[in-house]
PDB file of N, CA and C in Angstrom:
ATOM      1  N   MET A   1     -91.599  10.575  -4.189  1.00  0.00           N
ATOM      2  CA  MET A   1     -90.843   9.880  -5.222  1.00  0.00           C
ATOM      3  C   MET A   1     -90.284  10.924  -6.190  1.00  0.00           C
ATOM      4  N   LEU A   2     -89.015  10.824  -6.492  1.00  0.00           N
ATOM      5  CA  LEU A   2     -88.373  11.739  -7.425  1.00  0.00           C
ATOM      6  C   LEU A   2     -88.604  11.235  -8.857  1.00  0.00           C
ATOM      7  N   VAL A   3     -89.216  12.067  -9.704  1.00  0.00           N
ATOM      8  CA  VAL A   3     -89.496  11.728 -11.101  1.00  0.00           C
ATOM      9  C   VAL A   3     -88.735  12.703 -11.986  1.00  0.00           C
ATOM     10  N   LYS A   4     -87.992  12.156 -12.945  1.00  0.00           N
ATOM     11  CA  LYS A   4     -87.139  12.943 -13.831  1.00  0.00           C
ATOM     12  C   LYS A   4     -87.719  12.924 -15.247  1.00  0.00           C
ATOM     13  N   PHE A   5     -87.968  14.115 -15.814  1.00  0.00           N
ATOM     14  CA  PHE A   5     -88.442  14.260 -17.189  1.00  0.00           C
ATOM     15  C   PHE A   5     -87.277  14.744 -18.036  1.00  0.00           C
ATOM     16  N   GLU A   6     -86.986  14.014 -19.131  1.00  0.00           N
ATOM     17  CA  GLU A   6     -85.892  14.426 -20.005  1.00  0.00           C
ATOM     18  C   GLU A   6     -85.989  13.700 -21.339  1.00  0.00           C
ATOM     19  N   GLY A   7     -85.214  14.213 -22.306  1.00  0.00           N
ATOM     20  CA  GLY A   7     -85.149  13.602 -23.620  1.00  0.00           C
ATOM     21  C   GLY A   7     -83.818  12.915 -23.836  1.00  0.00           C
ATOM     22  N   TYR A   8     -83.831  11.930 -24.718  1.00  0.00           N
ATOM     23  CA  TYR A   8     -82.628  11.204 -25.111  1.00  0.00           C
ATOM     24  C   TYR A   8     -82.541  11.191 -26.623  1.00  0.00           C
ATOM     25  N   SER A   9     -81.328  11.318 -27.118  1.00  0.00           N
ATOM     26  CA  SER A   9     -81.091  11.320 -28.555  1.00  0.00           C
ATOM     27  C   SER A   9     -82.013  12.361 -29.189  1.00  0.00           C
ATOM     28  N   ASP A  10     -82.524  12.085 -30.388  1.00  0.00           N
ATOM     29  CA  ASP A  10     -83.444  13.023 -31.039  1.00  0.00           C
ATOM     30  C   ASP A  10     -84.852  12.462 -31.127  1.00  0.00           C
ATOM     31  N   ASP A  11     -85.120  11.384 -30.370  1.00  0.00           N
ATOM     32  CA  ASP A  11     -86.400  10.722 -30.584  1.00  0.00           C
ATOM     33  C   ASP A  11     -87.168  10.290 -29.342  1.00  0.00           C
ATOM     34  N   THR A  12     -86.529  10.234 -28.183  1.00  0.00           N
ATOM     35  CA  THR A  12     -87.178   9.664 -27.005  1.00  0.00           C
ATOM     36  C   THR A  12     -87.319  10.708 -25.897  1.00  0.00           C
ATOM     37  N   PHE A  13     -88.527  10.806 -25.348  1.00  0.00           N
ATOM     38  CA  PHE A  13     -88.804  11.691 -24.219  1.00  0.00           C
ATOM     39  C   PHE A  13     -89.595  10.902 -23.200  1.00  0.00           C
ATOM     40  N   GLY A  14     -89.297  11.119 -21.912  1.00  0.00           N
ATOM     41  CA  GLY A  14     -90.031  10.362 -20.930  1.00  0.00           C
ATOM     42  C   GLY A  14     -89.939  10.898 -19.525  1.00  0.00           C
ATOM     43  N   ALA A  15     -90.686  10.213 -18.662  1.00  0.00           N
ATOM     44  CA  ALA A  15     -90.673  10.435 -17.219  1.00  0.00           C
ATOM     45  C   ALA A  15     -90.083   9.173 -16.612  1.00  0.00           C
ATOM     46  N   TYR A  16     -89.067   9.330 -15.767  1.00  0.00           N
ATOM     47  CA  TYR A  16     -88.341   8.179 -15.249  1.00  0.00           C
ATOM     48  C   TYR A  16     -88.244   8.257 -13.731  1.00  0.00           C
ATOM     49  N   TRP A  17     -88.492   7.127 -13.074  1.00  0.00           N
ATOM     50  CA  TRP A  17     -88.378   7.046 -11.621  1.00  0.00           C
ATOM     51  C   TRP A  17     -88.032   5.617 -11.246  1.00  0.00           C
ATOM     52  N   LYS A  18     -87.578   5.450 -10.016  1.00  0.00           N
ATOM     53  CA  LYS A  18     -87.200   4.122  -9.544  1.00  0.00           C
ATOM     54  C   LYS A  18     -88.428   3.217  -9.556  1.00  0.00           C
ATOM     55  N   GLY A  19     -88.357   2.158 -10.345  1.00  0.00           N
ATOM     56  CA  GLY A  19     -89.455   1.197 -10.395  1.00  0.00           C
ATOM     57  C   GLY A  19     -90.439   1.421 -11.526  1.00  0.00           C
ATOM     58  N   GLY A  20     -90.206   2.420 -12.403  1.00  0.00           N
ATOM     59  CA  GLY A  20     -91.151   2.619 -13.505  1.00  0.00           C
ATOM     60  C   GLY A  20     -90.749   3.759 -14.404  1.00  0.00           C
ATOM     61  N   ASP A  21     -91.473   3.902 -15.504  1.00  0.00           N
ATOM     62  CA  ASP A  21     -91.289   5.043 -16.392  1.00  0.00           C
ATOM     63  C   ASP A  21     -92.432   5.108 -17.393  1.00  0.00           C
ATOM     64  N   VAL A  22     -92.582   6.287 -17.984  1.00  0.00           N
ATOM     65  CA  VAL A  22     -93.484   6.522 -19.107  1.00  0.00           C
ATOM     66  C   VAL A  22     -92.603   7.141 -20.169  1.00  0.00           C
ATOM     67  N   ASP A  23     -92.452   6.452 -21.285  1.00  0.00           N
ATOM     68  CA  ASP A  23     -91.482   6.843 -22.297  1.00  0.00           C
ATOM     69  C   ASP A  23     -92.152   6.850 -23.664  1.00  0.00           C
ATOM     70  N   HIS A  24     -91.721   7.762 -24.541  1.00  0.00           N
ATOM     71  CA  HIS A  24     -92.257   7.795 -25.899  1.00  0.00           C
ATOM     72  C   HIS A  24     -91.134   8.007 -26.894  1.00  0.00           C
ATOM     73  N   ASP A  25     -91.032   7.107 -27.863  1.00  0.00           N
ATOM     74  CA  ASP A  25     -90.039   7.190 -28.930  1.00  0.00           C
ATOM     75  C   ASP A  25     -90.791   7.498 -30.220  1.00  0.00           C
ATOM     76  N   ASP A  26     -90.537   8.669 -30.815  1.00  0.00           N
ATOM     77  CA  ASP A  26     -91.252   9.036 -32.048  1.00  0.00           C
ATOM     78  C   ASP A  26     -90.398   8.823 -33.296  1.00  0.00           C
ATOM     79  N   TYR A  27     -89.287   8.093 -33.136  1.00  0.00           N
ATOM     80  CA  TYR A  27     -88.419   7.747 -34.269  1.00  0.00           C
ATOM     81  C   TYR A  27     -87.972   8.984 -35.030  1.00  0.00           C
ATOM     82  N   ALA A  28     -87.605  10.028 -34.277  1.00  0.00           N
ATOM     83  CA  ALA A  28     -87.049  11.274 -34.811  1.00  0.00           C
ATOM     84  C   ALA A  28     -88.005  12.034 -35.717  1.00  0.00           C
ATOM     85  N   SER A  29     -89.316  11.907 -35.480  1.00  0.00           N
ATOM     86  CA  SER A  29     -90.279  12.652 -36.306  1.00  0.00           C
ATOM     87  C   SER A  29     -90.549  14.058 -35.782  1.00  0.00           C
ATOM     88  N   GLY A  30     -90.026  14.405 -34.598  1.00  0.00           N
ATOM     89  CA  GLY A  30     -90.169  15.757 -34.079  1.00  0.00           C
ATOM     90  C   GLY A  30     -91.507  16.059 -33.428  1.00  0.00           C
ATOM     91  N   SER A  31     -92.236  15.028 -32.998  1.00  0.00           N
ATOM     92  CA  SER A  31     -93.545  15.267 -32.389  1.00  0.00           C
ATOM     93  C   SER A  31     -93.416  15.914 -31.012  1.00  0.00           C
ATOM     94  N   ILE A  32     -94.469  16.574 -30.606  1.00  0.00           N
ATOM     95  CA  ILE A  32     -94.566  17.132 -29.258  1.00  0.00           C
ATOM     96  C   ILE A  32     -95.118  16.032 -28.358  1.00  0.00           C
ATOM     97  N   ARG A  33     -94.494  15.834 -27.202  1.00  0.00           N
ATOM     98  CA  ARG A  33     -94.963  14.845 -26.243  1.00  0.00           C
ATOM     99  C   ARG A  33     -95.525  15.584 -25.045  1.00  0.00           C
ATOM    100  N   VAL A  34     -96.755  15.264 -24.654  1.00  0.00           N
ATOM    101  CA  VAL A  34     -97.381  15.884 -23.492  1.00  0.00           C
ATOM    102  C   VAL A  34     -97.780  14.780 -22.516  1.00  0.00           C
ATOM    103  N   MET A  35     -97.377  14.950 -21.252  1.00  0.00           N
ATOM    104  CA  MET A  35     -97.723  14.000 -20.198  1.00  0.00           C
ATOM    105  C   MET A  35     -98.534  14.713 -19.130  1.00  0.00           C
ATOM    106  N   ARG A  36     -99.588  14.033 -18.682  1.00  0.00           N
ATOM    107  CA  ARG A  36    -100.417  14.555 -17.593  1.00  0.00           C
ATOM    108  C   ARG A  36     -99.898  13.933 -16.297  1.00  0.00           C
ATOM    109  N   VAL A  37     -99.589  14.782 -15.328  1.00  0.00           N
ATOM    110  CA  VAL A  37     -99.068  14.338 -14.039  1.00  0.00           C
ATOM    111  C   VAL A  37    -100.118  14.646 -12.983  1.00  0.00           C
ATOM    112  N   ARG A  38    -100.513  13.607 -12.232  1.00  0.00           N
ATOM    113  CA  ARG A  38    -101.515  13.760 -11.168  1.00  0.00           C
ATOM    114  C   ARG A  38    -100.967  13.175  -9.871  1.00  0.00           C
ATOM    115  N   ALA A  39    -101.193  13.908  -8.781  1.00  0.00           N
ATOM    116  CA  ALA A  39    -100.763  13.415  -7.469  1.00  0.00           C
ATOM    117  C   ALA A  39    -101.377  14.290  -6.388  1.00  0.00           C
ATOM    118  N   GLY A  40    -101.862  13.656  -5.333  1.00  0.00           N
ATOM    119  CA  GLY A  40    -102.348  14.379  -4.166  1.00  0.00           C
ATOM    120  C   GLY A  40    -103.412  15.420  -4.475  1.00  0.00           C
ATOM    121  N   GLY A  41    -104.283  15.152  -5.447  1.00  0.00           N
ATOM    122  CA  GLY A  41    -105.347  16.087  -5.796  1.00  0.00           C
ATOM    123  C   GLY A  41    -104.899  17.244  -6.673  1.00  0.00           C
ATOM    124  N   GLU A  42    -103.635  17.249  -7.109  1.00  0.00           N
ATOM    125  CA  GLU A  42    -103.123  18.295  -7.984  1.00  0.00           C
ATOM    126  C   GLU A  42    -102.709  17.663  -9.316  1.00  0.00           C
ATOM    127  N   GLU A  43    -102.648  18.500 -10.374  1.00  0.00           N
ATOM    128  CA  GLU A  43    -102.247  17.977 -11.675  1.00  0.00           C
ATOM    129  C   GLU A  43    -101.712  19.096 -12.564  1.00  0.00           C
ATOM    130  N   MET A  44    -100.918  18.672 -13.565  1.00  0.00           N
ATOM    131  CA  MET A  44    -100.387  19.611 -14.549  1.00  0.00           C
ATOM    132  C   MET A  44     -99.907  18.825 -15.770  1.00  0.00           C
ATOM    133  N   PHE A  45     -99.590  19.559 -16.835  1.00  0.00           N
ATOM    134  CA  PHE A  45     -99.004  18.968 -18.025  1.00  0.00           C
ATOM    135  C   PHE A  45     -97.496  19.225 -18.020  1.00  0.00           C
ATOM    136  N   VAL A  46     -96.719  18.241 -18.519  1.00  0.00           N
ATOM    137  CA  VAL A  46     -95.297  18.405 -18.813  1.00  0.00           C
ATOM    138  C   VAL A  46     -95.138  18.093 -20.300  1.00  0.00           C
ATOM    139  N   THR A  47     -94.512  19.019 -21.034  1.00  0.00           N
ATOM    140  CA  THR A  47     -94.365  18.895 -22.483  1.00  0.00           C
ATOM    141  C   THR A  47     -92.894  18.823 -22.858  1.00  0.00           C
ATOM    142  N   GLY A  48     -92.579  17.942 -23.810  1.00  0.00           N
ATOM    143  CA  GLY A  48     -91.225  17.843 -24.331  1.00  0.00           C
ATOM    144  C   GLY A  48     -91.229  17.905 -25.844  1.00  0.00           C
ATOM    145  N   ILE A  49     -90.284  18.643 -26.415  1.00  0.00           N
ATOM    146  CA  ILE A  49     -90.118  18.695 -27.870  1.00  0.00           C
ATOM    147  C   ILE A  49     -88.636  18.825 -28.185  1.00  0.00           C
ATOM    148  N   TYR A  50     -88.214  18.113 -29.225  1.00  0.00           N
ATOM    149  CA  TYR A  50     -86.823  18.154 -29.642  1.00  0.00           C
ATOM    150  C   TYR A  50     -86.642  19.184 -30.747  1.00  0.00           C
ATOM    151  N   ALA A  51     -85.598  19.987 -30.644  1.00  0.00           N
ATOM    152  CA  ALA A  51     -85.229  20.977 -31.663  1.00  0.00           C
ATOM    153  C   ALA A  51     -86.434  21.812 -32.105  1.00  0.00           C
ATOM    154  N   PRO A  52     -87.059  22.537 -31.178  1.00  0.00           N
ATOM    155  CA  PRO A  52     -88.236  23.324 -31.541  1.00  0.00           C
ATOM    156  C   PRO A  52     -87.940  24.274 -32.699  1.00  0.00           C
ATOM    157  N   GLY A  53     -88.726  24.143 -33.761  1.00  0.00           N
ATOM    158  CA  GLY A  53     -88.551  24.998 -34.931  1.00  0.00           C
ATOM    159  C   GLY A  53     -87.236  24.784 -35.653  1.00  0.00           C
ATOM    160  N   ASN A  54     -86.584  23.643 -35.386  1.00  0.00           N
ATOM    161  CA  ASN A  54     -85.268  23.346 -35.968  1.00  0.00           C
ATOM    162  C   ASN A  54     -84.239  24.433 -35.668  1.00  0.00           C
ATOM    163  N   LEU A  55     -84.423  25.117 -34.538  1.00  0.00           N
ATOM    164  CA  LEU A  55     -83.510  26.192 -34.155  1.00  0.00           C
ATOM    165  C   LEU A  55     -82.309  25.700 -33.373  1.00  0.00           C
ATOM    166  N   ALA A  56     -82.467  24.603 -32.655  1.00  0.00           N
ATOM    167  CA  ALA A  56     -81.372  24.081 -31.843  1.00  0.00           C
ATOM    168  C   ALA A  56     -81.540  22.575 -31.711  1.00  0.00           C
ATOM    169  N   ALA A  57     -80.450  21.866 -31.661  1.00  0.00           N
ATOM    170  CA  ALA A  57     -80.496  20.407 -31.528  1.00  0.00           C
ATOM    171  C   ALA A  57     -80.497  20.018 -30.056  1.00  0.00           C
ATOM    172  N   THR A  58     -81.496  20.491 -29.329  1.00  0.00           N
ATOM    173  CA  THR A  58     -81.637  20.206 -27.905  1.00  0.00           C
ATOM    174  C   THR A  58     -83.107  19.953 -27.585  1.00  0.00           C
ATOM    175  N   TRP A  59     -83.356  19.413 -26.413  1.00  0.00           N
ATOM    176  CA  TRP A  59     -84.716  19.199 -25.919  1.00  0.00           C
ATOM    177  C   TRP A  59     -85.194  20.414 -25.135  1.00  0.00           C
ATOM    178  N   ALA A  60     -86.455  20.774 -25.322  1.00  0.00           N
ATOM    179  CA  ALA A  60     -87.110  21.811 -24.530  1.00  0.00           C
ATOM    180  C   ALA A  60     -88.213  21.142 -23.717  1.00  0.00           C
ATOM    181  N   ILE A  61     -88.367  21.560 -22.476  1.00  0.00           N
ATOM    182  CA  ILE A  61     -89.408  21.028 -21.601  1.00  0.00           C
ATOM    183  C   ILE A  61     -90.192  22.197 -21.033  1.00  0.00           C
ATOM    184  N   GLY A  62     -91.516  22.044 -21.006  1.00  0.00           N
ATOM    185  CA  GLY A  62     -92.372  23.078 -20.444  1.00  0.00           C
ATOM    186  C   GLY A  62     -93.401  22.484 -19.512  1.00  0.00           C
ATOM    187  N   ILE A  63     -93.988  23.335 -18.695  1.00  0.00           N
ATOM    188  CA  ILE A  63     -95.072  22.920 -17.798  1.00  0.00           C
ATOM    189  C   ILE A  63     -96.257  23.856 -18.009  1.00  0.00           C
ATOM    190  N   ALA A  64     -97.456  23.337 -17.737  1.00  0.00           N
ATOM    191  CA  ALA A  64     -98.669  24.141 -17.907  1.00  0.00           C
ATOM    192  C   ALA A  64     -99.780  23.581 -17.030  1.00  0.00           C
ATOM    193  N   PRO A  65    -100.708  24.450 -16.614  1.00  0.00           N
ATOM    194  CA  PRO A  65    -101.875  23.966 -15.877  1.00  0.00           C
ATOM    195  C   PRO A  65    -102.807  23.207 -16.822  1.00  0.00           C
ATOM    196  N   ILE A  66    -103.673  22.385 -16.272  1.00  0.00           N
ATOM    197  CA  ILE A  66    -104.636  21.618 -17.065  1.00  0.00           C
ATOM    198  C   ILE A  66    -105.755  22.529 -17.582  1.00  0.00           C
ATOM    199  N   GLU A  67    -106.185  23.465 -16.773  1.00  0.00           N
ATOM    200  CA  GLU A  67    -107.304  24.361 -17.117  1.00  0.00           C
ATOM    201  C   GLU A  67    -106.894  25.819 -16.893  1.00  0.00           C
ATOM    202  N   ASP A  68    -107.565  26.725 -17.596  1.00  0.00           N
ATOM    203  CA  ASP A  68    -107.363  28.155 -17.358  1.00  0.00           C
ATOM    204  C   ASP A  68    -107.581  28.480 -15.884  1.00  0.00           C
ATOM    205  N   TYR A  69    -106.762  29.329 -15.350  1.00  0.00           N
ATOM    206  CA  TYR A  69    -106.869  29.834 -13.979  1.00  0.00           C
ATOM    207  C   TYR A  69    -106.642  28.776 -12.910  1.00  0.00           C
ATOM    208  N   GLN A  70    -106.186  27.586 -13.298  1.00  0.00           N
ATOM    209  CA  GLN A  70    -105.882  26.552 -12.318  1.00  0.00           C
ATOM    210  C   GLN A  70    -104.547  26.881 -11.656  1.00  0.00           C
ATOM    211  N   VAL A  71    -104.481  26.710 -10.364  1.00  0.00           N
ATOM    212  CA  VAL A  71    -103.234  26.928  -9.628  1.00  0.00           C
ATOM    213  C   VAL A  71    -102.299  25.758  -9.922  1.00  0.00           C
ATOM    214  N   MET A  72    -101.032  26.082 -10.172  1.00  0.00           N
ATOM    215  CA  MET A  72    -100.054  25.030 -10.442  1.00  0.00           C
ATOM    216  C   MET A  72     -99.768  24.248  -9.155  1.00  0.00           C
ATOM    217  N   PRO A  73     -99.426  22.974  -9.288  1.00  0.00           N
ATOM    218  CA  PRO A  73     -99.149  22.138  -8.113  1.00  0.00           C
ATOM    219  C   PRO A  73     -98.020  22.702  -7.247  1.00  0.00           C
ATOM    220  N   SER A  74     -98.056  22.327  -5.986  1.00  0.00           N
ATOM    221  CA  SER A  74     -97.070  22.806  -5.024  1.00  0.00           C
ATOM    222  C   SER A  74     -95.886  21.853  -4.876  1.00  0.00           C
ATOM    223  N   TRP A  75     -95.775  20.848  -5.744  1.00  0.00           N
ATOM    224  CA  TRP A  75     -94.686  19.883  -5.638  1.00  0.00           C
ATOM    225  C   TRP A  75     -93.332  20.572  -5.804  1.00  0.00           C
ATOM    226  N   PRO A  76     -92.364  20.164  -5.019  1.00  0.00           N
ATOM    227  CA  PRO A  76     -91.011  20.696  -5.229  1.00  0.00           C
ATOM    228  C   PRO A  76     -90.505  20.294  -6.621  1.00  0.00           C
ATOM    229  N   MET A  77     -89.856  21.243  -7.327  1.00  0.00           N
ATOM    230  CA  MET A  77     -89.309  20.937  -8.648  1.00  0.00           C
ATOM    231  C   MET A  77     -87.979  21.631  -8.836  1.00  0.00           C
ATOM    232  N   THR A  78     -87.123  20.988  -9.632  1.00  0.00           N
ATOM    233  CA  THR A  78     -85.834  21.572  -9.985  1.00  0.00           C
ATOM    234  C   THR A  78     -85.632  21.443 -11.489  1.00  0.00           C
ATOM    235  N   TRP A  79     -84.851  22.394 -12.027  1.00  0.00           N
ATOM    236  CA  TRP A  79     -84.516  22.423 -13.450  1.00  0.00           C
ATOM    237  C   TRP A  79     -83.008  22.413 -13.598  1.00  0.00           C
ATOM    238  N   ARG A  80     -82.537  21.759 -14.660  1.00  0.00           N
ATOM    239  CA  ARG A  80     -81.131  21.830 -15.026  1.00  0.00           C
ATOM    240  C   ARG A  80     -81.007  21.410 -16.490  1.00  0.00           C
ATOM    241  N   PHE A  81     -79.797  21.414 -16.995  1.00  0.00           N
ATOM    242  CA  PHE A  81     -79.534  20.996 -18.367  1.00  0.00           C
ATOM    243  C   PHE A  81     -78.431  19.959 -18.350  1.00  0.00           C
ATOM    244  N   GLU A  82     -78.654  18.818 -19.010  1.00  0.00           N
ATOM    245  CA  GLU A  82     -77.662  17.741 -19.097  1.00  0.00           C
ATOM    246  C   GLU A  82     -77.549  17.297 -20.546  1.00  0.00           C
ATOM    247  N   ARG A  83     -76.320  17.111 -21.006  1.00  0.00           N
ATOM    248  CA  ARG A  83     -76.061  16.682 -22.387  1.00  0.00           C
ATOM    249  C   ARG A  83     -76.800  17.601 -23.354  1.00  0.00           C
ATOM    250  N   TYR A  84     -77.891  17.174 -23.922  1.00  0.00           N
ATOM    251  CA  TYR A  84     -78.661  17.959 -24.904  1.00  0.00           C
ATOM    252  C   TYR A  84     -80.126  18.045 -24.502  1.00  0.00           C
ATOM    253  N   SER A  85     -80.406  17.999 -23.209  1.00  0.00           N
ATOM    254  CA  SER A  85     -81.791  18.037 -22.753  1.00  0.00           C
ATOM    255  C   SER A  85     -81.945  18.894 -21.505  1.00  0.00           C
ATOM    256  N   ALA A  86     -82.987  19.698 -21.504  1.00  0.00           N
ATOM    257  CA  ALA A  86     -83.435  20.278 -20.240  1.00  0.00           C
ATOM    258  C   ALA A  86     -83.912  19.102 -19.395  1.00  0.00           C
ATOM    259  N   VAL A  87     -83.800  19.219 -18.091  1.00  0.00           N
ATOM    260  CA  VAL A  87     -84.240  18.165 -17.176  1.00  0.00           C
ATOM    261  C   VAL A  87     -85.127  18.811 -16.120  1.00  0.00           C
ATOM    262  N   LEU A  88     -86.305  18.249 -15.935  1.00  0.00           N
ATOM    263  CA  LEU A  88     -87.220  18.677 -14.887  1.00  0.00           C
ATOM    264  C   LEU A  88     -87.353  17.527 -13.911  1.00  0.00           C
ATOM    265  N   GLU A  89     -87.133  17.806 -12.621  1.00  0.00           N
ATOM    266  CA  GLU A  89     -87.352  16.804 -11.596  1.00  0.00           C
ATOM    267  C   GLU A  89     -88.479  17.267 -10.683  1.00  0.00           C
ATOM    268  N   LEU A  90     -89.448  16.393 -10.481  1.00  0.00           N
ATOM    269  CA  LEU A  90     -90.574  16.656  -9.584  1.00  0.00           C
ATOM    270  C   LEU A  90     -90.502  15.693  -8.409  1.00  0.00           C
ATOM    271  N   GLU A  91     -90.744  16.190  -7.220  1.00  0.00           N
ATOM    272  CA  GLU A  91     -90.859  15.350  -6.032  1.00  0.00           C
ATOM    273  C   GLU A  91     -92.354  15.127  -5.816  1.00  0.00           C
ATOM    274  N   LEU A  92     -92.837  13.926  -6.180  1.00  0.00           N
ATOM    275  CA  LEU A  92     -94.275  13.636  -6.158  1.00  0.00           C
ATOM    276  C   LEU A  92     -94.647  12.768  -4.963  1.00  0.00           C
ATOM    277  N   PRO A  93     -95.845  12.996  -4.414  1.00  0.00           N
ATOM    278  CA  PRO A  93     -96.306  12.152  -3.306  1.00  0.00           C
ATOM    279  C   PRO A  93     -96.676  10.756  -3.801  1.00  0.00           C
ATOM    280  N   GLU A  94     -96.792   9.823  -2.864  1.00  0.00           N
ATOM    281  CA  GLU A  94     -97.191   8.452  -3.193  1.00  0.00           C
ATOM    282  C   GLU A  94     -98.507   8.453  -3.979  1.00  0.00           C
ATOM    283  N   GLY A  95     -98.668   7.479  -4.846  1.00  0.00           N
ATOM    284  CA  GLY A  95     -99.904   7.334  -5.600  1.00  0.00           C
ATOM    285  C   GLY A  95     -99.979   8.213  -6.827  1.00  0.00           C
ATOM    286  N   PHE A  96     -98.846   8.761  -7.276  1.00  0.00           N
ATOM    287  CA  PHE A  96     -98.882   9.630  -8.455  1.00  0.00           C
ATOM    288  C   PHE A  96     -99.204   8.824  -9.713  1.00  0.00           C
ATOM    289  N   GLU A  97     -99.662   9.546 -10.731  1.00  0.00           N
ATOM    290  CA  GLU A  97    -100.014   8.938 -12.013  1.00  0.00           C
ATOM    291  C   GLU A  97     -99.472   9.825 -13.126  1.00  0.00           C
ATOM    292  N   ILE A  98     -98.781   9.226 -14.096  1.00  0.00           N
ATOM    293  CA  ILE A  98     -98.270   9.951 -15.251  1.00  0.00           C
ATOM    294  C   ILE A  98     -98.780   9.247 -16.500  1.00  0.00           C
ATOM    295  N   THR A  99     -99.430  10.011 -17.383  1.00  0.00           N
ATOM    296  CA  THR A  99    -100.049   9.455 -18.579  1.00  0.00           C
ATOM    297  C   THR A  99     -99.631  10.251 -19.804  1.00  0.00           C
ATOM    298  N   LEU A 100     -99.201   9.562 -20.863  1.00  0.00           N
ATOM    299  CA  LEU A 100     -98.932  10.205 -22.126  1.00  0.00           C
ATOM    300  C   LEU A 100    -100.266  10.561 -22.775  1.00  0.00           C
ATOM    301  N   VAL A 101    -100.520  11.857 -22.994  1.00  0.00           N
ATOM    302  CA  VAL A 101    -101.797  12.284 -23.593  1.00  0.00           C
ATOM    303  C   VAL A 101    -101.642  12.784 -25.021  1.00  0.00           C
ATOM    304  N   CYS A 102    -100.426  13.119 -25.430  1.00  0.00           N
ATOM    305  CA  CYS A 102    -100.194  13.554 -26.791  1.00  0.00           C
ATOM    306  C   CYS A 102     -98.791  13.130 -27.188  1.00  0.00           C
ATOM    307  N   PRO A 103     -98.625  12.384 -28.249  1.00  0.00           N
ATOM    308  CA  PRO A 103     -99.677  11.950 -29.158  1.00  0.00           C
ATOM    309  C   PRO A 103    -100.601  10.942 -28.496  1.00  0.00           C
ATOM    310  N   ALA A 104    -101.885  11.035 -28.841  1.00  0.00           N
ATOM    311  CA  ALA A 104    -102.901  10.152 -28.255  1.00  0.00           C
ATOM    312  C   ALA A 104    -102.543   8.701 -28.505  1.00  0.00           C
ATOM    313  N   GLY A 105    -102.597   7.895 -27.476  1.00  0.00           N
ATOM    314  CA  GLY A 105    -102.293   6.486 -27.607  1.00  0.00           C
ATOM    315  C   GLY A 105    -100.861   6.187 -27.963  1.00  0.00           C
ATOM    316  N   GLY A 106     -99.979   7.209 -27.849  1.00  0.00           N
ATOM    317  CA  GLY A 106     -98.573   7.007 -28.159  1.00  0.00           C
ATOM    318  C   GLY A 106     -98.293   6.968 -29.649  1.00  0.00           C
ATOM    319  N   GLN A 107     -99.253   7.382 -30.474  1.00  0.00           N
ATOM    320  CA  GLN A 107     -99.076   7.380 -31.930  1.00  0.00           C
ATOM    321  C   GLN A 107     -98.733   8.753 -32.429  1.00  0.00           C
ATOM    322  N   ASP A 108     -97.845   8.836 -33.426  1.00  0.00           N
ATOM    323  CA  ASP A 108     -97.470  10.122 -34.021  1.00  0.00           C
ATOM    324  C   ASP A 108     -98.381  10.441 -35.187  1.00  0.00           C
TER     325      ASP A 108
END
């Protein structure tokens, strides 16, 4: 399943795929959004932030392992830039799970 991570406007960041999504709107408060992605026994974090440090009016997206020295997942991924957002696309196996972990409970 192709999952697309990107930001919209200055307030919404999410993971989007056919048949579902995990989305967070922080009402332009500038919070960092972190999503945990799990699939096929592998996992990682995907992070989105708008205008980091007020240096640019664009979205930045990053990836990170869950634990020190953990090998990053082998899922195919592509990067590009559209409008005002970096875009990360992951090709995930069936049964994947995406959870917003920061802000906890979706609260800023």
